[in-house]
Amino acid sequence: MQIHPDQVPSASIPAIGRVSSPYLTRRQTAEYLSVSEKWLAQSGRTSGPPFYKFGNQCRYLVADVVSWARQQRAPQSPAIGLVR
């Protein structure tokens, strides 16, 4: 299923009191991407999704995570064994 960053389901945005936040914690982001928190922390600014620092906390904007994930699509390899 492909999700456009503008069409991120509101259920994926955590509610804080009555206000929904567009930011995810590292744990929430790791869950969303099905990766470990350790990988997310180690990937940092080099290969992981962009993040924001608020004090000593990393936060990930949902739209940025979705956009980054869409860019990670592996290139399609040519079909093996095709006879022309």
Protein backbone atom coordinates (compact mmCIF):
# COMPACT_ATOMS: atom_id res chain seq x y z
CA MET A 1 0.00 0.00 0.00
CA GLN A 2 1.43 3.36 -0.97
CA ILE A 3 0.67 6.39 1.17
CA HIS A 4 1.28 9.89 -0.07
CA PRO A 5 2.85 12.04 2.69
CA ASP A 6 -0.20 14.33 2.59
CA GLN A 7 -2.48 11.35 3.12
CA VAL A 8 -0.92 9.95 6.29
CA PRO A 9 -3.73 8.40 8.33
CA SER A 10 -4.48 10.45 11.40
CA ALA A 11 -4.36 7.22 13.44
CA SER A 12 -0.59 7.17 12.82
CA ILE A 13 -0.20 10.57 14.45
CA PRO A 14 0.08 10.16 18.22
CA ALA A 15 -2.39 12.08 20.35
CA ILE A 16 -0.98 14.14 23.18
CA GLY A 17 -3.84 15.10 25.41
CA ARG A 18 -6.31 16.68 23.03
CA VAL A 19 -3.66 17.80 20.56
CA SER A 20 -2.36 15.43 17.88
CA SER A 21 1.34 15.74 17.24
CA PRO A 22 2.81 15.34 13.77
CA TYR A 23 6.02 14.09 15.44
CA LEU A 24 6.95 10.53 16.37
CA THR A 25 9.42 9.38 18.99
CA ARG A 26 12.29 7.11 17.98
CA ARG A 27 10.37 4.14 19.37
CA GLN A 28 7.22 5.01 17.41
CA THR A 29 9.23 5.58 14.24
CA ALA A 30 11.06 2.27 14.63
CA GLU A 31 7.72 0.49 15.08
CA TYR A 32 6.24 2.26 12.07
CA LEU A 33 9.18 1.24 9.86
CA SER A 34 9.57 -2.24 11.41
CA VAL A 35 13.20 -1.61 12.30
CA SER A 36 14.98 -1.59 15.64
CA GLU A 37 15.44 1.57 17.66
CA LYS A 38 19.16 0.80 17.64
CA TRP A 39 19.27 0.82 13.82
CA LEU A 40 17.35 4.08 13.74
CA ALA A 41 19.74 5.68 16.25
CA GLN A 42 22.83 4.41 14.43
CA SER A 43 21.58 5.42 10.98
CA GLY A 44 21.49 8.99 12.21
CA ARG A 45 21.75 11.64 9.56
CA THR A 46 23.58 9.46 7.05
CA SER A 47 21.06 6.87 5.94
CA GLY A 48 17.96 7.10 8.10
CA PRO A 49 14.94 9.38 7.93
CA PRO A 50 15.44 13.05 8.77
CA PHE A 51 14.78 14.03 12.36
CA TYR A 52 14.52 17.07 14.60
CA LYS A 53 16.22 17.65 17.93
CA PHE A 54 14.19 19.11 20.76
CA GLY A 55 16.63 19.37 23.64
CA ASN A 56 18.18 15.91 23.78
CA GLN A 57 15.17 14.20 22.17
CA CYS A 58 14.96 13.11 18.54
CA ARG A 59 11.58 13.50 16.87
CA TYR A 60 10.55 12.40 13.41
CA LEU A 61 7.93 14.24 11.37
CA VAL A 62 5.43 11.67 10.07
CA ALA A 63 5.39 13.14 6.55
CA ASP A 64 9.22 13.05 6.44
CA VAL A 65 9.30 9.39 7.52
CA VAL A 66 6.73 8.40 4.89
CA SER A 67 8.58 10.36 2.20
CA TRP A 68 11.95 8.85 3.20
CA ALA A 69 10.49 5.33 3.23
CA ARG A 70 9.10 5.77 -0.28
CA GLN A 71 12.58 6.75 -1.51
CA GLN A 72 14.05 3.48 -0.16
CA ARG A 73 12.44 1.34 -2.83
CA ALA A 74 15.00 -1.12 -4.14
CA PRO A 75 15.64 -0.97 -7.87
CA GLN A 76 14.02 -3.74 -9.84
CA SER A 77 16.48 -6.28 -11.12
CA PRO A 78 16.17 -7.57 -14.68
CA ALA A 79 14.29 -10.82 -15.07
CA ILE A 80 16.63 -13.80 -14.92
CA GLY A 81 16.39 -16.48 -17.55
CA LEU A 82 14.35 -14.52 -20.07
CA VAL A 83 14.87 -15.84 -23.56
CA ARG A 84 14.43 -13.37 -26.39
